[in-house]
C-alpha atoms as a PDB file:
ATOM      1  CA  UNK A   1      74.278 -47.719 -86.823  1.00  0.00           C
ATOM      2  CA  UNK A   2      73.548 -46.669 -90.438  1.00  0.00           C
ATOM      3  CA  UNK A   3      70.107 -49.258 -92.053  1.00  0.00           C
ATOM      4  CA  UNK A   4      69.854 -49.797 -95.336  1.00  0.00           C
ATOM      5  CA  UNK A   5      66.081 -48.335 -96.269  1.00  0.00           C
ATOM      6  CA  UNK A   6      63.735 -50.965 -96.567  1.00  0.00           C
ATOM      7  CA  UNK A   7      59.710 -49.683 -97.952  1.00  0.00           C
ATOM      8  CA  UNK A   8      58.006 -51.107 -95.317  1.00  0.00           C
ATOM      9  CA  UNK A   9      54.403 -52.220 -96.807  1.00  0.00           C
ATOM     10  CA  UNK A  10      55.147 -56.231 -95.170  1.00  0.00           C
ATOM     11  CA  UNK A  11      54.406 -54.346 -92.127  1.00  0.00           C
ATOM     12  CA  UNK A  12      51.521 -51.857 -92.874  1.00  0.00           C
ATOM     13  CA  UNK A  13      49.494 -54.129 -94.332  1.00  0.00           C
ATOM     14  CA  UNK A  14      49.982 -56.278 -91.293  1.00  0.00           C
ATOM     15  CA  UNK A  15      49.489 -52.962 -88.567  1.00  0.00           C
ATOM     16  CA  UNK A  16      46.806 -52.296 -91.102  1.00  0.00           C
ATOM     17  CA  UNK A  17      44.925 -56.190 -91.029  1.00  0.00           C
ATOM     18  CA  UNK A  18      45.252 -56.201 -87.207  1.00  0.00           C
ATOM     19  CA  UNK A  19      43.323 -52.306 -86.868  1.00  0.00           C
ATOM     20  CA  UNK A  20      40.813 -53.854 -89.344  1.00  0.00           C
ATOM     21  CA  UNK A  21      40.283 -56.578 -86.719  1.00  0.00           C
ATOM     22  CA  UNK A  22      40.451 -54.789 -84.024  1.00  0.00           C
ATOM     23  CA  UNK A  23      38.845 -51.230 -84.560  1.00  0.00           C
ATOM     24  CA  UNK A  24      41.532 -49.808 -83.818  1.00  0.00           C
ATOM     25  CA  UNK A  25      43.498 -46.578 -85.599  1.00  0.00           C
ATOM     26  CA  UNK A  26      47.150 -46.596 -87.009  1.00  0.00           C
ATOM     27  CA  UNK A  27      49.588 -44.278 -86.813  1.00  0.00           C
ATOM     28  CA  UNK A  28      51.853 -44.696 -90.011  1.00  0.00           C
ATOM     29  CA  UNK A  29      55.121 -44.322 -88.615  1.00  0.00           C
ATOM     30  CA  UNK A  30      56.633 -46.871 -89.786  1.00  0.00           C
ATOM     31  CA  UNK A  31      55.993 -45.491 -93.005  1.00  0.00           C
ATOM     32  CA  UNK A  32      57.985 -42.180 -91.772  1.00  0.00           C
ATOM     33  CA  UNK A  33      60.994 -43.435 -90.574  1.00  0.00           C
ATOM     34  CA  UNK A  34      61.026 -44.699 -93.793  1.00  0.00           C
ATOM     35  CA  UNK A  35      60.588 -41.713 -95.311  1.00  0.00           C
ATOM     36  CA  UNK A  36      62.810 -39.955 -92.721  1.00  0.00           C
ATOM     37  CA  UNK A  37      65.642 -43.158 -94.718  1.00  0.00           C
ATOM     38  CA  UNK A  38      64.821 -42.269 -97.975  1.00  0.00           C
ATOM     39  CA  UNK A  39      65.170 -38.710 -98.022  1.00  0.00           C
ATOM     40  CA  UNK A  40      67.721 -38.234 -95.491  1.00  0.00           C
ATOM     41  CA  UNK A  41      70.551 -40.905 -96.753  1.00  0.00           C
ATOM     42  CA  UNK A  42      73.076 -41.667 -93.451  1.00  0.00           C
ATOM     43  CA  UNK A  43      71.001 -39.455 -91.282  1.00  0.00           C
ATOM     44  CA  UNK A  44      70.658 -40.044 -87.553  1.00  0.00           C
ATOM     45  CA  UNK A  45      67.171 -41.178 -85.891  1.00  0.00           C
ATOM     46  CA  UNK A  46      68.581 -43.730 -83.799  1.00  0.00           C
ATOM     47  CA  UNK A  47      70.358 -42.300 -79.760  1.00  0.00           C
ATOM     48  CA  UNK A  48      74.340 -42.856 -80.239  1.00  0.00           C
ATOM     49  CA  UNK A  49      73.245 -46.619 -78.747  1.00  0.00           C
ATOM     50  CA  UNK A  50      72.192 -47.609 -82.107  1.00  0.00           C
ATOM     51  CA  UNK A  51      68.888 -48.889 -80.417  1.00  0.00           C
ATOM     52  CA  UNK A  52      67.414 -46.304 -78.596  1.00  0.00           C
ATOM     53  CA  UNK A  53      64.961 -43.071 -80.506  1.00  0.00           C
ATOM     54  CA  UNK A  54      66.851 -40.539 -81.455  1.00  0.00           C
ATOM     55  CA  UNK A  55      65.935 -36.573 -81.772  1.00  0.00           C
ATOM     56  CA  UNK A  56      64.181 -37.494 -85.058  1.00  0.00           C
ATOM     57  CA  UNK A  57      62.665 -40.276 -84.014  1.00  0.00           C
ATOM     58  CA  UNK A  58      61.329 -39.611 -81.286  1.00  0.00           C
ATOM     59  CA  UNK A  59      59.937 -36.195 -83.290  1.00  0.00           C
ATOM     60  CA  UNK A  60      58.722 -38.172 -86.018  1.00  0.00           C
ATOM     61  CA  UNK A  61      56.320 -40.263 -83.619  1.00  0.00           C
ATOM     62  CA  UNK A  62      55.679 -37.295 -81.654  1.00  0.00           C
ATOM     63  CA  UNK A  63      54.146 -35.834 -84.384  1.00  0.00           C
ATOM     64  CA  UNK A  64      52.075 -38.921 -86.110  1.00  0.00           C
ATOM     65  CA  UNK A  65      50.528 -39.573 -82.961  1.00  0.00           C
ATOM     66  CA  UNK A  66      49.836 -35.644 -82.651  1.00  0.00           C
ATOM     67  CA  UNK A  67      47.363 -35.729 -85.268  1.00  0.00           C
ATOM     68  CA  UNK A  68      44.919 -38.411 -84.296  1.00  0.00           C
ATOM     69  CA  UNK A  69      44.971 -37.839 -80.576  1.00  0.00           C
ATOM     70  CA  UNK A  70      44.332 -33.947 -81.160  1.00  0.00           C
ATOM     71  CA  UNK A  71      42.989 -33.602 -84.320  1.00  0.00           C
ATOM     72  CA  UNK A  72      44.852 -31.076 -85.556  1.00  0.00           C
ATOM     73  CA  UNK A  73      48.386 -31.318 -87.672  1.00  0.00           C
ATOM     74  CA  UNK A  74      51.372 -30.743 -85.393  1.00  0.00           C
ATOM     75  CA  UNK A  75      52.855 -28.982 -88.045  1.00  0.00           C
ATOM     76  CA  UNK A  76      53.741 -25.362 -86.030  1.00  0.00           C
ATOM     77  CA  UNK A  77      54.549 -26.789 -82.559  1.00  0.00           C
ATOM     78  CA  UNK A  78      57.802 -25.655 -81.208  1.00  0.00           C
ATOM     79  CA  UNK A  79      60.878 -29.056 -80.725  1.00  0.00           C
ATOM     80  CA  UNK A  80      62.298 -28.738 -77.624  1.00  0.00           C
ATOM     81  CA  UNK A  81      65.338 -28.696 -77.562  1.00  0.00           C
ATOM     82  CA  UNK A  82      66.898 -31.860 -75.345  1.00  0.00           C
END
């Protein structure tokens, strides 16, 4: 299922507002996914069922979460094949 990439500003603003109100940290996975879709038109970031995360989205999400959790860059971490 290929969807047109739409800028996620509205979603990002709502996430940032919620974080401001709760003191949470925001990890911009929505922005990372948008960047993938813009830079790789037709690239598949969903599984064959069209809904669940595919390998690209799973890796992007994992990488985006790694930095704030471990206070280190995920650059250079191995990517396991599955």
